[in-house]
Amino acid sequence: MLTVENLDVWFGFPPDRVDAVRSADFSVAQGESFGLVGESGSGKSTILRAIAGLIDSWSGRIEVAGRSVTGDRRDRAFYKTVQMVFQDPYASLHPRHSVDAVLSEALRLQGMDDIDNRIQRLLDDVGLGRGFRFRYPHQLSGGQRQRVAIARALAGEPRLLLLDEPTSALDVSVQAEILNLLADLRAEHRLTYLMVSHDLAVVGHMCDRLAVMQHGRIVEVMTVDALRQGAARQDYTRHLIHASAGYERV
């Protein structure tokens, strides 16, 4: 479903150029859930944005469903295949647009018909009832806003979802609900996920394999089973696993 080869992403121009991602290589099979993990600033979200066409300063090869993409231009066919769910549900929805307006716009942009029935099915898919259809973002909780953002991403019936820390801005009590929803949607719609997270527990719950990033480079690709067993090859990965295990009593 997704192949990334020798990906470099940078910002600015010499002598102030910043190389955010360097020589990244990984692939994601159809139906797989693949995680990108690492500390803040390691380049995880930058990779997602380059794939989505939100950054044009990159080189290398990105192939989605057998089609190569170039620059920052993405056609309608790309966005019917790939959609992105952003980290902050408070910033990703227009404050003056109702849920109905948000989903109607997404459906029309994707060339869909039968808008009314499709909106209801989308709301049902993400666990929101009819009563939410004409509400505005300020009338929704963070978890409900993220459900709307997920419904918007599903509007075009994509095959690949790019998930940029989709629960990190939510209360702990709501995070598990959204993660379980995403797991259910993946099974129901046969979706492929590329998920960015700094939380190894989330990746262990959601993903099949993961790539560990440090300073813009992928230092290790491993299975979730290897992660759970602590079978890392690189010192940095072992450090992440140890840190995620919490504090030890002395």
Protein backbone atom coordinates (compact mmCIF):
# COMPACT_ATOMS: atom_id res chain seq x y z
CA MET A 1 0.00 0.00 0.00
CA LEU A 2 2.84 2.42 0.84
CA THR A 3 6.52 2.44 -0.07
CA VAL A 4 8.95 5.11 1.12
CA GLU A 5 12.51 4.98 -0.19
CA ASN A 6 15.48 7.24 0.53
CA LEU A 7 13.17 10.03 1.76
CA ASP A 8 14.82 13.32 2.69
CA VAL A 9 12.73 16.24 4.00
CA TRP A 10 14.18 19.65 4.76
CA PHE A 11 13.14 23.17 5.70
CA GLY A 12 14.77 26.42 4.64
CA PHE A 13 17.80 27.07 2.46
CA PRO A 14 21.56 26.89 3.02
CA PRO A 15 23.22 27.92 5.25
CA ASP A 16 20.10 27.75 7.47
CA ARG A 17 18.63 24.58 5.99
CA VAL A 18 17.36 22.05 8.53
CA ASP A 19 17.31 18.38 7.49
CA ALA A 20 14.26 17.00 9.31
CA VAL A 21 14.24 13.52 7.73
CA ARG A 22 17.21 11.75 6.20
CA SER A 23 17.24 8.62 4.03
CA ALA A 24 14.05 7.11 5.44
CA ASP A 25 13.09 3.68 4.08
CA PHE A 26 10.05 1.58 5.01
CA SER A 27 7.00 -0.06 3.48
CA VAL A 28 3.48 -0.76 4.71
CA ALA A 29 1.52 -3.74 3.40
CA GLN A 30 -2.15 -3.51 2.51
CA GLY A 31 -4.22 -3.92 5.67
CA GLU A 32 -1.22 -3.45 7.96
CA SER A 33 -0.94 -0.95 10.79
CA PHE A 34 2.57 0.51 10.90
CA GLY A 35 3.90 2.83 13.61
CA LEU A 36 6.51 5.58 13.59
CA VAL A 37 7.92 6.19 17.07
CA GLY A 38 10.61 8.35 18.60
CA GLU A 39 11.16 11.44 20.68
CA SER A 40 9.66 14.82 19.79
CA GLY A 41 11.49 16.34 16.83
CA SER A 42 12.67 13.01 15.45
CA GLY A 43 10.84 13.55 12.14
CA LYS A 44 7.80 11.29 12.58
CA SER A 45 5.05 13.79 11.76
CA THR A 46 7.19 15.34 9.02
CA ILE A 47 7.10 12.04 7.13
CA LEU A 48 3.29 11.97 7.31
CA ARG A 49 3.04 15.54 6.07
CA ALA A 50 5.38 14.84 3.16
CA ILE A 51 3.26 11.84 2.15
CA ALA A 52 0.05 13.89 2.43
CA GLY A 53 1.43 16.70 0.25
CA LEU A 54 1.63 19.27 3.04
CA ILE A 55 5.40 19.70 2.56
CA ASP A 56 6.98 20.21 -0.85
CA SER A 57 10.68 20.26 0.12
CA TRP A 58 11.46 16.56 -0.10
CA SER A 59 13.26 14.11 -2.32
CA GLY A 60 13.24 10.35 -2.70
CA ARG A 61 10.41 8.02 -3.65
CA ILE A 62 6.89 7.81 -2.24
CA GLU A 63 4.55 5.26 -3.79
CA VAL A 64 0.93 4.79 -2.71
CA ALA A 65 -1.11 1.84 -3.97
CA GLY A 66 1.33 1.38 -6.86
CA ARG A 67 1.35 5.06 -7.90
CA SER A 68 4.35 7.34 -7.41
CA VAL A 69 3.71 10.82 -6.05
CA THR A 70 5.84 13.88 -6.70
CA GLY A 71 6.25 17.32 -5.14
CA ASP A 72 3.31 18.72 -3.17
CA ARG A 73 0.69 18.06 -5.85
CA ARG A 74 -1.92 15.42 -5.10
CA ASP A 75 -4.92 14.75 -7.33
CA ARG A 76 -8.42 13.68 -6.32
CA ALA A 77 -7.52 10.02 -6.86
CA PHE A 78 -4.76 10.35 -4.25
CA TYR A 79 -7.08 11.86 -1.66
CA LYS A 80 -9.67 9.18 -2.32
CA THR A 81 -6.96 6.69 -1.38
CA VAL A 82 -5.17 8.58 1.42
CA GLN A 83 -6.55 10.72 4.24
CA MET A 84 -4.98 12.16 7.38
CA VAL A 85 -6.25 12.52 10.96
CA PHE A 86 -4.44 15.29 12.81
CA GLN A 87 -3.28 15.47 16.40
CA ASP A 88 -5.36 18.35 17.71
CA PRO A 89 -9.14 17.93 17.34
CA TYR A 90 -9.62 21.48 18.59
CA ALA A 91 -7.66 22.98 15.69
CA SER A 92 -8.68 20.63 12.86
CA LEU A 93 -12.39 21.62 12.76
CA HIS A 94 -13.66 25.04 11.66
CA PRO A 95 -15.34 26.63 14.71
CA ARG A 96 -18.20 28.09 12.61
CA HIS A 97 -18.97 24.93 10.64
CA SER A 98 -21.44 22.41 12.01
CA VAL A 99 -20.72 18.68 11.89
CA ASP A 100 -23.16 18.49 8.98
CA ALA A 101 -21.26 21.20 7.08
CA VAL A 102 -17.89 19.57 7.74
CA LEU A 103 -19.00 16.17 6.46
CA SER A 104 -21.05 17.57 3.56
CA GLU A 105 -18.05 19.50 2.28
CA ALA A 106 -15.78 16.47 2.53
CA LEU A 107 -18.27 14.28 0.66
CA ARG A 108 -18.80 16.82 -2.12
CA LEU A 109 -15.06 17.34 -2.56
CA GLN A 110 -14.73 13.58 -3.03
CA GLY A 111 -17.49 13.58 -5.65
CA MET A 112 -19.90 11.54 -3.54
CA ASP A 113 -23.67 11.48 -4.01
CA ASP A 114 -26.50 10.63 -1.59
CA ILE A 115 -24.95 13.07 0.88
CA ASP A 116 -27.69 12.87 3.50
CA ASN A 117 -27.53 9.10 3.96
CA ARG A 118 -23.73 9.04 3.78
CA ILE A 119 -23.46 11.58 6.61
CA GLN A 120 -25.62 9.42 8.83
CA ARG A 121 -23.59 6.32 8.03
CA LEU A 122 -20.36 8.18 8.81
CA LEU A 123 -21.72 9.34 12.17
CA ASP A 124 -22.85 5.79 12.95
CA ASP A 125 -19.42 4.45 11.99
CA VAL A 126 -17.67 6.69 14.53
CA GLY A 127 -20.22 6.19 17.30
CA LEU A 128 -22.04 9.52 17.13
CA GLY A 129 -25.84 9.60 16.93
CA ARG A 130 -28.18 11.77 14.88
CA GLY A 131 -28.21 14.39 17.63
CA PHE A 132 -24.63 15.38 16.83
CA ARG A 133 -25.21 16.17 13.17
CA PHE A 134 -26.05 19.86 13.58
CA ARG A 135 -23.81 20.63 16.52
CA TYR A 136 -20.82 22.96 16.33
CA PRO A 137 -17.29 22.16 17.57
CA HIS A 138 -17.72 24.23 20.76
CA GLN A 139 -20.63 21.94 21.67
CA LEU A 140 -18.45 18.81 21.45
CA SER A 141 -15.89 17.27 23.78
CA GLY A 142 -12.36 16.58 22.57
CA GLY A 143 -13.15 12.92 21.96
CA GLN A 144 -16.32 13.79 20.02
CA ARG A 145 -14.38 16.28 17.88
CA GLN A 146 -11.83 13.62 17.06
CA ARG A 147 -14.65 11.25 16.08
CA VAL A 148 -15.90 13.91 13.66
CA ALA A 149 -12.37 14.33 12.27
CA ILE A 150 -12.16 10.57 11.73
CA ALA A 151 -15.58 10.58 10.03
CA ARG A 152 -14.37 13.37 7.73
CA ALA A 153 -11.28 11.31 6.84
CA LEU A 154 -13.51 8.32 6.01
CA ALA A 155 -15.82 10.35 3.76
CA GLY A 156 -14.00 9.48 0.55
CA GLU A 157 -13.73 5.79 1.47
CA PRO A 158 -9.90 5.85 1.63
CA ARG A 159 -7.69 2.80 1.90
CA LEU A 160 -4.81 4.39 3.83
CA LEU A 161 -5.15 6.60 6.91
CA LEU A 162 -2.24 8.71 8.17
CA LEU A 163 -2.72 9.10 11.94
CA ASP A 164 -0.66 11.87 13.55
CA GLU A 165 -0.82 11.11 17.29
CA PRO A 166 -4.64 11.00 17.13
CA THR A 167 -5.12 10.62 20.89
CA SER A 168 -2.28 12.62 22.45
CA ALA A 169 -4.40 15.79 22.87
CA LEU A 170 -7.24 13.89 24.58
CA ASP A 171 -7.91 13.04 28.20
CA VAL A 172 -6.55 9.66 29.25
CA SER A 173 -10.09 8.39 29.86
CA VAL A 174 -11.01 9.10 26.23
CA GLN A 175 -7.82 7.87 24.54
CA ALA A 176 -8.70 4.18 24.81
CA GLU A 177 -12.15 4.81 23.30
CA ILE A 178 -10.64 6.46 20.21
CA LEU A 179 -7.95 3.79 19.83
CA ASN A 180 -10.55 1.03 20.05
CA LEU A 181 -12.69 2.88 17.51
CA LEU A 182 -9.73 3.09 15.11
CA ALA A 183 -9.02 -0.62 15.58
CA ASP A 184 -12.66 -1.48 14.83
CA LEU A 185 -12.74 0.77 11.75
CA ARG A 186 -9.55 -0.80 10.41
CA ALA A 187 -11.11 -4.27 10.63
CA GLU A 188 -14.51 -3.19 9.29
CA HIS A 189 -13.26 -1.15 6.34
CA ARG A 190 -10.04 -3.10 5.69
CA LEU A 191 -7.95 0.03 6.18
CA THR A 192 -4.19 0.44 6.25
CA TYR A 193 -2.74 2.69 8.97
CA LEU A 194 0.47 4.67 9.25
CA MET A 195 0.44 5.93 12.83
CA VAL A 196 2.79 8.39 14.49
CA SER A 197 3.12 8.18 18.26
CA HIS A 198 5.61 8.84 21.02
CA ASP A 199 3.78 6.31 23.19
CA LEU A 200 5.06 2.75 22.77
CA ALA A 201 2.01 1.36 24.60
CA VAL A 202 -0.27 2.88 21.95
CA VAL A 203 1.86 1.48 19.14
CA GLY A 204 1.96 -1.90 20.84
CA HIS A 205 -1.85 -1.90 20.97
CA MET A 206 -2.51 -0.58 17.47
CA CYS A 207 0.30 -1.68 15.18
CA ASP A 208 1.82 -4.79 13.62
CA ARG A 209 5.28 -3.32 12.96
CA LEU A 210 7.04 -0.07 13.76
CA ALA A 211 10.01 2.06 12.77
CA VAL A 212 12.03 3.80 15.45
CA MET A 213 13.30 7.29 14.58
CA GLN A 214 16.12 9.34 16.04
CA HIS A 215 17.37 12.70 14.76
CA GLY A 216 15.51 12.34 11.46
CA ARG A 217 16.71 8.82 10.70
CA ILE A 218 15.05 5.44 11.00
CA VAL A 219 17.37 3.46 13.24
CA GLU A 220 15.37 0.23 13.46
CA VAL A 221 12.29 -1.49 12.04
CA MET A 222 10.79 -4.20 14.23
CA THR A 223 7.63 -6.18 14.87
CA VAL A 224 5.35 -5.40 17.80
CA ASP A 225 6.08 -8.89 19.15
CA ALA A 226 9.77 -7.99 19.29
CA LEU A 227 8.86 -4.71 21.00
CA ARG A 228 6.88 -6.53 23.68
CA GLN A 229 9.73 -8.95 24.25
CA GLY A 230 12.25 -6.12 24.47
CA ALA A 231 14.18 -7.66 21.59
CA ALA A 232 15.64 -4.44 20.18
CA ARG A 233 18.89 -4.38 18.23
CA GLN A 234 19.76 -0.71 18.73
CA ASP A 235 20.74 0.99 21.99
CA TYR A 236 18.36 3.88 21.31
CA THR A 237 15.40 1.52 20.89
CA ARG A 238 16.31 -0.25 24.12
CA HIS A 239 16.44 3.14 25.83
CA LEU A 240 12.93 3.99 24.55
CA ILE A 241 11.55 0.67 25.72
CA HIS A 242 13.14 1.11 29.13
CA ALA A 243 11.82 4.66 29.45
CA SER A 244 8.30 3.61 28.48
CA ALA A 245 8.28 0.98 31.23
CA GLY A 246 8.08 3.74 33.85
CA TYR A 247 10.14 4.46 36.91
CA GLU A 248 11.78 1.71 38.90
CA ARG A 249 11.81 1.77 42.69
CA VAL A 250 15.17 1.92 44.36
